[in-house]
């Protein structure tokens, strides 16, 4: 059961990071790309945790 909570938390963090990337795209492209990369890592971690 606790493994599912970790994956859910990682997905929530990924959503937060993706929203930050979307909102900073016009002001700072480098930061937006970094946040998008971190969001992709968080999603990958959640999928790996569930597998």
PDB file of N, CA and C in Angstrom:
ATOM      1  N   UNK A   1       0.823  -1.207   0.000  1.00  0.00           N
ATOM      2  CA  UNK A   1       0.000   0.000   0.000  1.00  0.00           C
ATOM      3  C   UNK A   1       0.864   1.266   0.000  1.00  0.00           C
ATOM      4  N   UNK A   2       1.962   1.275   0.755  1.00  0.00           N
ATOM      5  CA  UNK A   2       2.761   2.497   0.839  1.00  0.00           C
ATOM      6  C   UNK A   2       3.464   2.810  -0.486  1.00  0.00           C
ATOM      7  N   UNK A   3       3.762   1.777  -1.288  1.00  0.00           N
ATOM      8  CA  UNK A   3       4.377   2.006  -2.590  1.00  0.00           C
ATOM      9  C   UNK A   3       3.472   2.793  -3.515  1.00  0.00           C
ATOM     10  N   UNK A   4       2.187   2.568  -3.392  1.00  0.00           N
ATOM     11  CA  UNK A   4       1.246   3.316  -4.215  1.00  0.00           C
ATOM     12  C   UNK A   4       1.210   4.779  -3.803  1.00  0.00           C
ATOM     13  N   UNK A   5       1.387   5.056  -2.527  1.00  0.00           N
ATOM     14  CA  UNK A   5       1.401   6.444  -2.065  1.00  0.00           C
ATOM     15  C   UNK A   5       2.631   7.174  -2.577  1.00  0.00           C
ATOM     16  N   UNK A   6       3.745   6.489  -2.633  1.00  0.00           N
ATOM     17  CA  UNK A   6       4.966   7.108  -3.150  1.00  0.00           C
ATOM     18  C   UNK A   6       4.788   7.450  -4.628  1.00  0.00           C
ATOM     19  N   UNK A   7       4.222   6.520  -5.384  1.00  0.00           N
ATOM     20  CA  UNK A   7       3.993   6.767  -6.809  1.00  0.00           C
ATOM     21  C   UNK A   7       3.006   7.919  -6.998  1.00  0.00           C
ATOM     22  N   UNK A   8       1.973   7.967  -6.184  1.00  0.00           N
ATOM     23  CA  UNK A   8       1.002   9.056  -6.273  1.00  0.00           C
ATOM     24  C   UNK A   8       1.654  10.398  -5.933  1.00  0.00           C
ATOM     25  N   UNK A   9       2.515  10.397  -4.940  1.00  0.00           N
ATOM     26  CA  UNK A   9       3.236  11.629  -4.578  1.00  0.00           C
ATOM     27  C   UNK A   9       4.162  12.066  -5.701  1.00  0.00           C
ATOM     28  N   UNK A  10       4.846  11.120  -6.340  1.00  0.00           N
ATOM     29  CA  UNK A  10       5.713  11.465  -7.466  1.00  0.00           C
ATOM     30  C   UNK A  10       4.909  12.027  -8.627  1.00  0.00           C
ATOM     31  N   UNK A  11       3.747  11.476  -8.885  1.00  0.00           N
ATOM     32  CA  UNK A  11       2.898  12.016  -9.956  1.00  0.00           C
ATOM     33  C   UNK A  11       2.400  13.424  -9.617  1.00  0.00           C
ATOM     34  N   UNK A  12       2.102  13.660  -8.345  1.00  0.00           N
ATOM     35  CA  UNK A  12       1.688  15.004  -7.938  1.00  0.00           C
ATOM     36  C   UNK A  12       2.827  16.003  -8.107  1.00  0.00           C
ATOM     37  N   UNK A  13       4.035  15.599  -7.748  1.00  0.00           N
ATOM     38  CA  UNK A  13       5.204  16.464  -7.925  1.00  0.00           C
ATOM     39  C   UNK A  13       5.434  16.728  -9.411  1.00  0.00           C
ATOM     40  N   UNK A  14       5.247  15.693 -10.230  1.00  0.00           N
ATOM     41  CA  UNK A  14       5.412  15.865 -11.680  1.00  0.00           C
ATOM     42  C   UNK A  14       4.397  16.864 -12.227  1.00  0.00           C
ATOM     43  N   UNK A  15       3.175  16.801 -11.764  1.00  0.00           N
ATOM     44  CA  UNK A  15       2.166  17.764 -12.203  1.00  0.00           C
ATOM     45  C   UNK A  15       2.510  19.181 -11.780  1.00  0.00           C
ATOM     46  N   UNK A  16       3.004  19.317 -10.570  1.00  0.00           N
ATOM     47  CA  UNK A  16       3.420  20.628 -10.078  1.00  0.00           C
ATOM     48  C   UNK A  16       4.568  21.183 -10.919  1.00  0.00           C
ATOM     49  N   UNK A  17       5.540  20.329 -11.223  1.00  0.00           N
ATOM     50  CA  UNK A  17       6.674  20.761 -12.035  1.00  0.00           C
ATOM     51  C   UNK A  17       6.256  21.086 -13.467  1.00  0.00           C
ATOM     52  N   UNK A  18       5.356  20.291 -14.026  1.00  0.00           N
ATOM     53  CA  UNK A  18       4.883  20.562 -15.388  1.00  0.00           C
ATOM     54  C   UNK A  18       4.113  21.885 -15.437  1.00  0.00           C
ATOM     55  N   UNK A  19       3.327  22.160 -14.424  1.00  0.00           N
ATOM     56  CA  UNK A  19       2.629  23.444 -14.356  1.00  0.00           C
ATOM     57  C   UNK A  19       3.596  24.607 -14.240  1.00  0.00           C
ATOM     58  N   UNK A  20       4.659  24.426 -13.484  1.00  0.00           N
ATOM     59  CA  UNK A  20       5.681  25.459 -13.384  1.00  0.00           C
ATOM     60  C   UNK A  20       6.393  25.678 -14.703  1.00  0.00           C
ATOM     61  N   UNK A  21       6.647  24.588 -15.415  1.00  0.00           N
ATOM     62  CA  UNK A  21       7.289  24.711 -16.726  1.00  0.00           C
ATOM     63  C   UNK A  21       6.384  25.458 -17.693  1.00  0.00           C
ATOM     64  N   UNK A  22       5.115  25.149 -17.665  1.00  0.00           N
ATOM     65  CA  UNK A  22       4.163  25.831 -18.560  1.00  0.00           C
ATOM     66  C   UNK A  22       4.075  27.320 -18.242  1.00  0.00           C
ATOM     67  N   UNK A  23       4.045  27.642 -16.953  1.00  0.00           N
ATOM     68  CA  UNK A  23       3.866  29.052 -16.584  1.00  0.00           C
ATOM     69  C   UNK A  23       5.131  29.888 -16.784  1.00  0.00           C
ATOM     70  N   UNK A  24       6.304  29.268 -16.784  1.00  0.00           N
ATOM     71  CA  UNK A  24       7.533  30.036 -16.961  1.00  0.00           C
ATOM     72  C   UNK A  24       8.051  30.011 -18.392  1.00  0.00           C
ATOM     73  N   UNK A  25       7.327  29.401 -19.306  1.00  0.00           N
ATOM     74  CA  UNK A  25       7.819  29.251 -20.679  1.00  0.00           C
ATOM     75  C   UNK A  25       8.106  30.592 -21.351  1.00  0.00           C
ATOM     76  N   UNK A  26       7.248  31.592 -21.160  1.00  0.00           N
ATOM     77  CA  UNK A  26       7.437  32.879 -21.838  1.00  0.00           C
ATOM     78  C   UNK A  26       8.546  33.708 -21.197  1.00  0.00           C
ATOM     79  N   UNK A  27       8.797  33.521 -19.914  1.00  0.00           N
ATOM     80  CA  UNK A  27       9.792  34.350 -19.228  1.00  0.00           C
ATOM     81  C   UNK A  27      11.192  33.760 -19.283  1.00  0.00           C
ATOM     82  N   UNK A  28      11.309  32.475 -19.042  1.00  0.00           N
ATOM     83  CA  UNK A  28      12.626  31.856 -18.974  1.00  0.00           C
ATOM     84  C   UNK A  28      12.548  30.459 -19.578  1.00  0.00           C
ATOM     85  N   UNK A  29      12.969  30.355 -20.821  1.00  0.00           N
ATOM     86  CA  UNK A  29      12.874  29.063 -21.523  1.00  0.00           C
ATOM     87  C   UNK A  29      13.782  28.013 -20.896  1.00  0.00           C
ATOM     88  N   UNK A  30      14.966  28.421 -20.445  1.00  0.00           N
ATOM     89  CA  UNK A  30      15.906  27.463 -19.860  1.00  0.00           C
ATOM     90  C   UNK A  30      15.332  26.858 -18.574  1.00  0.00           C
ATOM     91  N   UNK A  31      14.729  27.684 -17.750  1.00  0.00           N
ATOM     92  CA  UNK A  31      14.117  27.183 -16.521  1.00  0.00           C
ATOM     93  C   UNK A  31      12.924  26.294 -16.840  1.00  0.00           C
ATOM     94  N   UNK A  32      12.155  26.649 -17.842  1.00  0.00           N
ATOM     95  CA  UNK A  32      11.007  25.840 -18.226  1.00  0.00           C
ATOM     96  C   UNK A  32      11.440  24.463 -18.729  1.00  0.00           C
ATOM     97  N   UNK A  33      12.520  24.426 -19.496  1.00  0.00           N
ATOM     98  CA  UNK A  33      13.026  23.141 -19.981  1.00  0.00           C
ATOM     99  C   UNK A  33      13.543  22.302 -18.816  1.00  0.00           C
ATOM    100  N   UNK A  34      14.206  22.946 -17.872  1.00  0.00           N
ATOM    101  CA  UNK A  34      14.703  22.236 -16.694  1.00  0.00           C
ATOM    102  C   UNK A  34      13.554  21.669 -15.871  1.00  0.00           C
ATOM    103  N   UNK A  35      12.516  22.459 -15.678  1.00  0.00           N
ATOM    104  CA  UNK A  35      11.353  21.980 -14.935  1.00  0.00           C
ATOM    105  C   UNK A  35      10.638  20.854 -15.678  1.00  0.00           C
ATOM    106  N   UNK A  36      10.561  20.954 -16.990  1.00  0.00           N
ATOM    107  CA  UNK A  36       9.955  19.890 -17.777  1.00  0.00           C
ATOM    108  C   UNK A  36      10.753  18.603 -17.684  1.00  0.00           C
ATOM    109  N   UNK A  37      12.074  18.713 -17.705  1.00  0.00           N
ATOM    110  CA  UNK A  37      12.927  17.539 -17.556  1.00  0.00           C
ATOM    111  C   UNK A  37      12.740  16.901 -16.179  1.00  0.00           C
ATOM    112  N   UNK A  38      12.642  17.726 -15.140  1.00  0.00           N
ATOM    113  CA  UNK A  38      12.417  17.209 -13.791  1.00  0.00           C
ATOM    114  C   UNK A  38      11.050  16.541 -13.688  1.00  0.00           C
ATOM    115  N   UNK A  39      10.059  17.099 -14.357  1.00  0.00           N
ATOM    116  CA  UNK A  39       8.726  16.479 -14.364  1.00  0.00           C
ATOM    117  C   UNK A  39       8.765  15.131 -15.058  1.00  0.00           C
ATOM    118  N   UNK A  40       9.502  15.042 -16.159  1.00  0.00           N
ATOM    119  CA  UNK A  40       9.623  13.756 -16.864  1.00  0.00           C
ATOM    120  C   UNK A  40      10.338  12.731 -15.993  1.00  0.00           C
ATOM    121  N   UNK A  41      11.337  13.156 -15.254  1.00  0.00           N
ATOM    122  CA  UNK A  41      12.017  12.245 -14.333  1.00  0.00           C
ATOM    123  C   UNK A  41      11.075  11.770 -13.226  1.00  0.00           C
ATOM    124  N   UNK A  42      10.244  12.655 -12.716  1.00  0.00           N
ATOM    125  CA  UNK A  42       9.310  12.270 -11.666  1.00  0.00           C
ATOM    126  C   UNK A  42       8.273  11.270 -12.187  1.00  0.00           C
ATOM    127  N   UNK A  43       7.797  11.485 -13.406  1.00  0.00           N
ATOM    128  CA  UNK A  43       6.850  10.524 -14.000  1.00  0.00           C
ATOM    129  C   UNK A  43       7.539   9.188 -14.223  1.00  0.00           C
ATOM    130  N   UNK A  44       8.744   9.224 -14.734  1.00  0.00           N
ATOM    131  CA  UNK A  44       9.503   7.984 -14.918  1.00  0.00           C
ATOM    132  C   UNK A  44       9.735   7.252 -13.621  1.00  0.00           C
ATOM    133  N   UNK A  45      10.032   7.988 -12.566  1.00  0.00           N
ATOM    134  CA  UNK A  45      10.211   7.383 -11.261  1.00  0.00           C
ATOM    135  C   UNK A  45       8.930   6.755 -10.734  1.00  0.00           C
ATOM    136  N   UNK A  46       7.812   7.413 -10.959  1.00  0.00           N
ATOM    137  CA  UNK A  46       6.526   6.858 -10.517  1.00  0.00           C
ATOM    138  C   UNK A  46       6.189   5.579 -11.271  1.00  0.00           C
ATOM    139  N   UNK A  47       6.436   5.586 -12.566  1.00  0.00           N
ATOM    140  CA  UNK A  47       6.163   4.384 -13.360  1.00  0.00           C
ATOM    141  C   UNK A  47       7.095   3.255 -12.933  1.00  0.00           C
ATOM    142  N   UNK A  48       8.359   3.562 -12.703  1.00  0.00           N
ATOM    143  CA  UNK A  48       9.301   2.545 -12.267  1.00  0.00           C
ATOM    144  C   UNK A  48       8.940   2.007 -10.874  1.00  0.00           C
ATOM    145  N   UNK A  49       8.437   2.885 -10.029  1.00  0.00           N
ATOM    146  CA  UNK A  49       8.064   2.474  -8.678  1.00  0.00           C
ATOM    147  C   UNK A  49       6.866   1.509  -8.731  1.00  0.00           C
ATOM    148  N   UNK A  50       5.946   1.759  -9.624  1.00  0.00           N
ATOM    149  CA  UNK A  50       4.778   0.893  -9.734  1.00  0.00           C
ATOM    150  C   UNK A  50       5.083  -0.426 -10.441  1.00  0.00           C
ATOM    151  N   UNK A  51       6.137  -0.443 -11.250  1.00  0.00           N
ATOM    152  CA  UNK A  51       6.460  -1.660 -12.019  1.00  0.00           C
ATOM    153  C   UNK A  51       7.215  -2.677 -11.218  1.00  0.00           C
TER     154      UNK A  51
END
